Amino acid sequence: MTTVLLVDDDATYRRALTAFLDATYDIDVVGEAGSADEAVALAEALRPEAAVVDVAIPGTDGLELALRIRAVVREVAIVLVTGNIGGVDPERAREAGVRHVFAKGDPLPIENALRALTRRR
């Protein structure tokens, strides 16, 4: 079972993605966070295998948050989601340890990426 932390300030999006991912047999959303500080605290407490992080987080950005999460859970696989995929700097994303960037919308690519990233361990 792959454990996942979802981080997005849009509670409706978090609930929808949680429902989609929890319906699978091998992905378990163990926590949801709406802010950067909450995400870091949950990551440290829950130690998820993967985190789905929105680029637009109040008070910071998803790339900075990815670095903060990886500081407490070094082996976590980070998947970034955004409303504007062209607005993500690929070099900065690589430096933050982000493995994939997806546009918000179809959750299937996120599911497939989570499965593939954690299967490689």
C-alpha atoms as a PDB file:
ATOM      1  CA  MET A   1       0.000   0.000   0.000  1.00  0.00           C
ATOM      2  CA  THR A   2       1.417   3.391  -1.031  1.00  0.00           C
ATOM      3  CA  THR A   3       0.881   6.100   1.570  1.00  0.00           C
ATOM      4  CA  VAL A   4       0.239   9.618   0.291  1.00  0.00           C
ATOM      5  CA  LEU A   5      -0.026  13.114   1.757  1.00  0.00           C
ATOM      6  CA  LEU A   6      -2.150  15.596  -0.248  1.00  0.00           C
ATOM      7  CA  VAL A   7      -1.312  19.298   0.039  1.00  0.00           C
ATOM      8  CA  ASP A   8      -3.607  21.892  -1.523  1.00  0.00           C
ATOM      9  CA  ASP A   9      -5.319  24.950  -0.087  1.00  0.00           C
ATOM     10  CA  ASP A  10      -8.485  24.039  -2.048  1.00  0.00           C
ATOM     11  CA  ALA A  11     -10.363  21.682   0.268  1.00  0.00           C
ATOM     12  CA  THR A  12     -12.765  20.646  -2.505  1.00  0.00           C
ATOM     13  CA  TYR A  13      -9.885  19.531  -4.719  1.00  0.00           C
ATOM     14  CA  ARG A  14      -8.266  17.657  -1.808  1.00  0.00           C
ATOM     15  CA  ARG A  15     -11.507  15.823  -1.010  1.00  0.00           C
ATOM     16  CA  ALA A  16     -12.086  14.890  -4.662  1.00  0.00           C
ATOM     17  CA  LEU A  17      -8.534  13.632  -5.185  1.00  0.00           C
ATOM     18  CA  THR A  18      -8.616  11.773  -1.864  1.00  0.00           C
ATOM     19  CA  ALA A  19     -11.858  10.024  -2.842  1.00  0.00           C
ATOM     20  CA  PHE A  20     -10.390   9.066  -6.229  1.00  0.00           C
ATOM     21  CA  LEU A  21      -7.097   7.749  -4.826  1.00  0.00           C
ATOM     22  CA  ASP A  22      -8.665   5.992  -1.837  1.00  0.00           C
ATOM     23  CA  ALA A  23     -10.908   4.060  -4.246  1.00  0.00           C
ATOM     24  CA  THR A  24      -7.826   2.281  -5.573  1.00  0.00           C
ATOM     25  CA  TYR A  25      -6.619  -0.928  -3.978  1.00  0.00           C
ATOM     26  CA  ASP A  26      -3.028   0.135  -3.418  1.00  0.00           C
ATOM     27  CA  ILE A  27      -2.991   3.859  -2.579  1.00  0.00           C
ATOM     28  CA  ASP A  28      -3.916   5.200   0.859  1.00  0.00           C
ATOM     29  CA  VAL A  29      -4.229   8.932   1.457  1.00  0.00           C
ATOM     30  CA  VAL A  30      -2.991   9.153   5.036  1.00  0.00           C
ATOM     31  CA  GLY A  31      -3.245  12.924   5.419  1.00  0.00           C
ATOM     32  CA  GLU A  32      -4.456  16.160   3.890  1.00  0.00           C
ATOM     33  CA  ALA A  33      -3.027  19.617   4.475  1.00  0.00           C
ATOM     34  CA  GLY A  34      -4.193  23.053   3.409  1.00  0.00           C
ATOM     35  CA  SER A  35      -1.086  24.987   4.417  1.00  0.00           C
ATOM     36  CA  ALA A  36       2.679  24.616   4.306  1.00  0.00           C
ATOM     37  CA  ASP A  37       3.166  24.371   8.073  1.00  0.00           C
ATOM     38  CA  GLU A  38       0.412  21.767   8.363  1.00  0.00           C
ATOM     39  CA  ALA A  39       1.958  19.783   5.491  1.00  0.00           C
ATOM     40  CA  VAL A  40       5.409  19.685   7.081  1.00  0.00           C
ATOM     41  CA  ALA A  41       3.991  18.645  10.456  1.00  0.00           C
ATOM     42  CA  LEU A  42       1.897  15.877   8.872  1.00  0.00           C
ATOM     43  CA  ALA A  43       4.807  14.688   6.745  1.00  0.00           C
ATOM     44  CA  GLU A  44       6.980  14.384   9.833  1.00  0.00           C
ATOM     45  CA  ALA A  45       4.263  12.587  11.820  1.00  0.00           C
ATOM     46  CA  LEU A  46       2.951  10.305   9.047  1.00  0.00           C
ATOM     47  CA  ARG A  47       6.126   9.726   7.001  1.00  0.00           C
ATOM     48  CA  PRO A  48       4.279   9.166   3.701  1.00  0.00           C
ATOM     49  CA  GLU A  49       5.939   7.502   0.742  1.00  0.00           C
ATOM     50  CA  ALA A  50       4.651  10.239  -1.582  1.00  0.00           C
ATOM     51  CA  ALA A  51       3.227  13.751  -1.433  1.00  0.00           C
ATOM     52  CA  VAL A  52       1.015  15.467  -3.991  1.00  0.00           C
ATOM     53  CA  VAL A  53       1.718  19.186  -3.597  1.00  0.00           C
ATOM     54  CA  ASP A  54      -0.022  22.149  -5.216  1.00  0.00           C
ATOM     55  CA  VAL A  55       2.254  24.813  -6.663  1.00  0.00           C
ATOM     56  CA  ALA A  56       0.128  27.623  -5.202  1.00  0.00           C
ATOM     57  CA  ILE A  57       0.302  27.350  -1.411  1.00  0.00           C
ATOM     58  CA  PRO A  58      -0.393  30.507   0.614  1.00  0.00           C
ATOM     59  CA  GLY A  59       2.752  31.900   2.208  1.00  0.00           C
ATOM     60  CA  THR A  60       5.143  29.872   0.058  1.00  0.00           C
ATOM     61  CA  ASP A  61       5.145  27.923  -3.192  1.00  0.00           C
ATOM     62  CA  GLY A  62       4.985  24.220  -3.914  1.00  0.00           C
ATOM     63  CA  LEU A  63       8.649  23.980  -4.823  1.00  0.00           C
ATOM     64  CA  GLU A  64       9.789  25.518  -1.553  1.00  0.00           C
ATOM     65  CA  LEU A  65       7.322  23.296   0.280  1.00  0.00           C
ATOM     66  CA  ALA A  66       8.693  20.231  -1.518  1.00  0.00           C
ATOM     67  CA  LEU A  67      12.126  21.070  -0.105  1.00  0.00           C
ATOM     68  CA  ARG A  68      10.682  21.483   3.394  1.00  0.00           C
ATOM     69  CA  ILE A  69       8.846  18.156   3.204  1.00  0.00           C
ATOM     70  CA  ARG A  70      11.937  16.375   1.887  1.00  0.00           C
ATOM     71  CA  ALA A  71      13.935  17.842   4.785  1.00  0.00           C
ATOM     72  CA  VAL A  72      11.781  15.857   7.232  1.00  0.00           C
ATOM     73  CA  VAL A  73      11.079  12.799   5.028  1.00  0.00           C
ATOM     74  CA  ARG A  74      14.092  12.513   2.751  1.00  0.00           C
ATOM     75  CA  GLU A  75      12.823   9.550   0.710  1.00  0.00           C
ATOM     76  CA  VAL A  76       9.366  10.984  -0.063  1.00  0.00           C
ATOM     77  CA  ALA A  77       8.394  11.089  -3.751  1.00  0.00           C
ATOM     78  CA  ILE A  78       6.994  14.519  -4.671  1.00  0.00           C
ATOM     79  CA  VAL A  79       4.363  15.028  -7.364  1.00  0.00           C
ATOM     80  CA  LEU A  80       3.465  18.642  -8.118  1.00  0.00           C
ATOM     81  CA  VAL A  81       0.036  19.750  -9.350  1.00  0.00           C
ATOM     82  CA  THR A  82      -0.775  23.132 -10.824  1.00  0.00           C
ATOM     83  CA  GLY A  83      -3.391  25.095 -12.664  1.00  0.00           C
ATOM     84  CA  ASN A  84      -0.681  26.477 -14.990  1.00  0.00           C
ATOM     85  CA  ILE A  85       1.847  23.830 -15.956  1.00  0.00           C
ATOM     86  CA  GLY A  86       3.811  26.320 -18.055  1.00  0.00           C
ATOM     87  CA  GLY A  87       4.453  28.394 -14.938  1.00  0.00           C
ATOM     88  CA  VAL A  88       6.656  25.752 -13.298  1.00  0.00           C
ATOM     89  CA  ASP A  89      10.410  26.145 -13.770  1.00  0.00           C
ATOM     90  CA  PRO A  90      11.659  22.620 -14.623  1.00  0.00           C
ATOM     91  CA  GLU A  91      15.167  23.273 -13.288  1.00  0.00           C
ATOM     92  CA  ARG A  92      13.858  24.532  -9.971  1.00  0.00           C
ATOM     93  CA  ALA A  93      11.454  21.566  -9.792  1.00  0.00           C
ATOM     94  CA  ARG A  94      14.334  19.099 -10.265  1.00  0.00           C
ATOM     95  CA  GLU A  95      16.356  20.879  -7.573  1.00  0.00           C
ATOM     96  CA  ALA A  96      13.381  20.543  -5.202  1.00  0.00           C
ATOM     97  CA  GLY A  97      13.228  16.796  -5.838  1.00  0.00           C
ATOM     98  CA  VAL A  98       9.950  16.930  -7.760  1.00  0.00           C
ATOM     99  CA  ARG A  99       9.533  13.815  -9.877  1.00  0.00           C
ATOM    100  CA  HIS A 100       6.450  14.794 -11.926  1.00  0.00           C
ATOM    101  CA  VAL A 101       4.368  17.905 -12.620  1.00  0.00           C
ATOM    102  CA  PHE A 102       0.725  17.555 -13.662  1.00  0.00           C
ATOM    103  CA  ALA A 103      -2.010  20.003 -14.511  1.00  0.00           C
ATOM    104  CA  LYS A 104      -4.977  19.830 -12.172  1.00  0.00           C
ATOM    105  CA  GLY A 105      -7.802  17.981 -13.806  1.00  0.00           C
ATOM    106  CA  ASP A 106      -7.623  14.321 -14.701  1.00  0.00           C
ATOM    107  CA  PRO A 107      -6.458  12.439 -11.580  1.00  0.00           C
ATOM    108  CA  LEU A 108      -5.457   9.283 -13.476  1.00  0.00           C
ATOM    109  CA  PRO A 109      -1.930  10.489 -14.369  1.00  0.00           C
ATOM    110  CA  ILE A 110      -1.367  11.354 -10.705  1.00  0.00           C
ATOM    111  CA  GLU A 111      -2.503   7.882  -9.654  1.00  0.00           C
ATOM    112  CA  ASN A 112      -0.234   6.240 -12.230  1.00  0.00           C
ATOM    113  CA  ALA A 113       2.748   8.380 -11.224  1.00  0.00           C
ATOM    114  CA  LEU A 114       2.277   7.585  -7.529  1.00  0.00           C
ATOM    115  CA  ARG A 115       2.144   3.902  -8.288  1.00  0.00           C
ATOM    116  CA  ALA A 116       5.242   4.022 -10.521  1.00  0.00           C
ATOM    117  CA  LEU A 117       7.308   6.209  -8.175  1.00  0.00           C
ATOM    118  CA  THR A 118       6.741   4.097  -5.108  1.00  0.00           C
ATOM    119  CA  ARG A 119       7.095   0.791  -6.947  1.00  0.00           C
ATOM    120  CA  ARG A 120      10.718   1.675  -7.796  1.00  0.00           C
ATOM    121  CA  ARG A 121      11.758   1.658  -4.142  1.00  0.00           C
END
